[in-house]
Amino acid sequence: MEYNHEAIFCIVNSGYSEMVMDAAKKLGARGGTVINARGTANKDAETFFGISIQPEKEIVMIIVPSKLKEDILHAVYKEAGLDSAGQGIAFALPVDAVVGLSQ
């Protein structure tokens, strides 16, 4: 099945959602939704990845046309990924139906 839209999710430290949205908007995203969350990683994860885990997180959800997914996903990770202060991860999932998006 071919999908017309993708949902990009980026989980970052609290306070870095604007960084994610700025990177996404530069490549054609029109907007997103931010949800406050709390991470549950353990100390072993901190040692393995060599980073400190901040428990307060923000999840940025962005629906984009499929053709924009790869560029936006990589731009978001470059801007707010694990090597940045945002210490984010990003992934995308196909969306099989969308209503309410303006063109």
Protein backbone atom coordinates (compact mmCIF):
# COMPACT_ATOMS: atom_id res chain seq x y z
CA MET A 1 0.00 0.00 0.00
CA GLU A 2 1.28 3.44 -0.87
CA TYR A 3 0.78 6.17 1.72
CA ASN A 4 0.32 9.86 0.95
CA HIS A 5 1.29 11.08 4.43
CA GLU A 6 3.72 10.17 7.19
CA ALA A 7 3.72 11.01 10.89
CA ILE A 8 7.11 12.11 12.15
CA PHE A 9 7.63 11.77 15.89
CA CYS A 10 10.58 13.43 17.59
CA ILE A 11 11.17 12.95 21.32
CA VAL A 12 13.45 15.63 22.77
CA ASN A 13 14.44 17.06 26.11
CA SER A 14 11.96 19.58 27.46
CA GLY A 15 12.40 23.00 25.88
CA TYR A 16 13.66 21.83 22.48
CA SER A 17 10.41 21.35 20.55
CA GLU A 18 10.76 24.73 18.82
CA MET A 19 14.16 23.63 17.50
CA VAL A 20 12.46 20.59 15.97
CA MET A 21 9.62 22.59 14.44
CA ASP A 22 11.96 25.23 13.01
CA ALA A 23 13.99 22.54 11.22
CA ALA A 24 10.84 20.83 9.92
CA LYS A 25 9.21 24.06 8.71
CA LYS A 26 12.30 25.01 6.69
CA LEU A 27 11.66 21.88 4.60
CA GLY A 28 7.93 22.22 4.13
CA ALA A 29 6.18 21.09 7.31
CA ARG A 30 3.24 23.34 8.12
CA GLY A 31 2.90 22.71 11.83
CA GLY A 32 2.90 20.10 14.54
CA THR A 33 1.66 19.12 17.96
CA VAL A 34 3.77 19.05 21.12
CA ILE A 35 2.96 16.71 24.00
CA ASN A 36 4.71 16.93 27.37
CA ALA A 37 6.10 13.57 28.48
CA ARG A 38 8.47 11.93 30.93
CA GLY A 39 11.28 9.56 29.96
CA THR A 40 11.84 6.29 31.78
CA ALA A 41 15.37 5.31 30.68
CA ASN A 42 17.54 3.64 33.29
CA LYS A 43 21.16 4.26 34.30
CA ASP A 44 22.34 1.42 32.02
CA ALA A 45 21.04 3.35 29.01
CA GLU A 46 22.94 6.44 30.13
CA THR A 47 26.16 4.44 30.35
CA PHE A 48 25.61 2.65 27.03
CA PHE A 49 24.82 5.79 25.04
CA GLY A 50 27.24 8.02 26.98
CA ILE A 51 24.61 10.67 27.67
CA SER A 52 22.68 11.86 30.68
CA ILE A 53 18.94 11.23 30.52
CA GLN A 54 16.70 14.21 31.32
CA PRO A 55 13.36 12.82 32.47
CA GLU A 56 11.19 15.71 31.20
CA LYS A 57 10.54 15.29 27.48
CA GLU A 58 8.51 16.77 24.66
CA ILE A 59 7.08 14.69 21.84
CA VAL A 60 6.68 16.60 18.60
CA MET A 61 4.24 15.03 16.12
CA ILE A 62 4.24 16.30 12.55
CA ILE A 63 2.08 15.03 9.66
CA VAL A 64 3.83 15.58 6.33
CA PRO A 65 3.39 14.49 2.73
CA SER A 66 5.33 11.26 2.17
CA LYS A 67 7.63 12.91 -0.35
CA LEU A 68 8.94 15.27 2.38
CA LYS A 69 9.45 12.64 5.09
CA GLU A 70 13.10 11.70 4.52
CA ASP A 71 14.41 15.26 4.26
CA ILE A 72 12.45 16.48 7.29
CA LEU A 73 13.32 13.43 9.38
CA HIS A 74 17.04 13.88 8.75
CA ALA A 75 16.92 17.67 9.27
CA VAL A 76 15.12 17.25 12.60
CA TYR A 77 17.65 14.69 13.77
CA LYS A 78 20.60 16.82 12.62
CA GLU A 79 19.24 19.81 14.54
CA ALA A 80 17.98 18.12 17.72
CA GLY A 81 19.42 14.57 17.69
CA LEU A 82 21.40 12.67 20.30
CA ASP A 83 24.53 14.75 19.64
CA SER A 84 22.70 18.00 20.45
CA ALA A 85 21.38 19.51 23.67
CA GLY A 86 17.91 18.27 22.65
CA GLN A 87 19.21 14.67 22.78
CA GLY A 88 16.33 13.64 20.54
CA ILE A 89 15.32 10.58 18.64
CA ALA A 90 13.08 10.69 15.60
CA PHE A 91 11.08 8.16 13.65
CA ALA A 92 8.26 8.11 11.12
CA LEU A 93 5.16 5.98 10.67
CA PRO A 94 2.88 5.75 7.63
CA VAL A 95 -0.55 7.38 7.90
CA ASP A 96 -3.28 5.66 5.92
CA ALA A 97 -5.94 8.39 6.22
CA VAL A 98 -5.94 12.10 7.04
CA VAL A 99 -8.75 14.60 7.52
CA GLY A 100 -8.58 18.22 8.59
CA LEU A 101 -5.30 19.24 6.96
CA SER A 102 -5.35 22.41 4.91
CA GLN A 103 -3.51 22.50 1.62
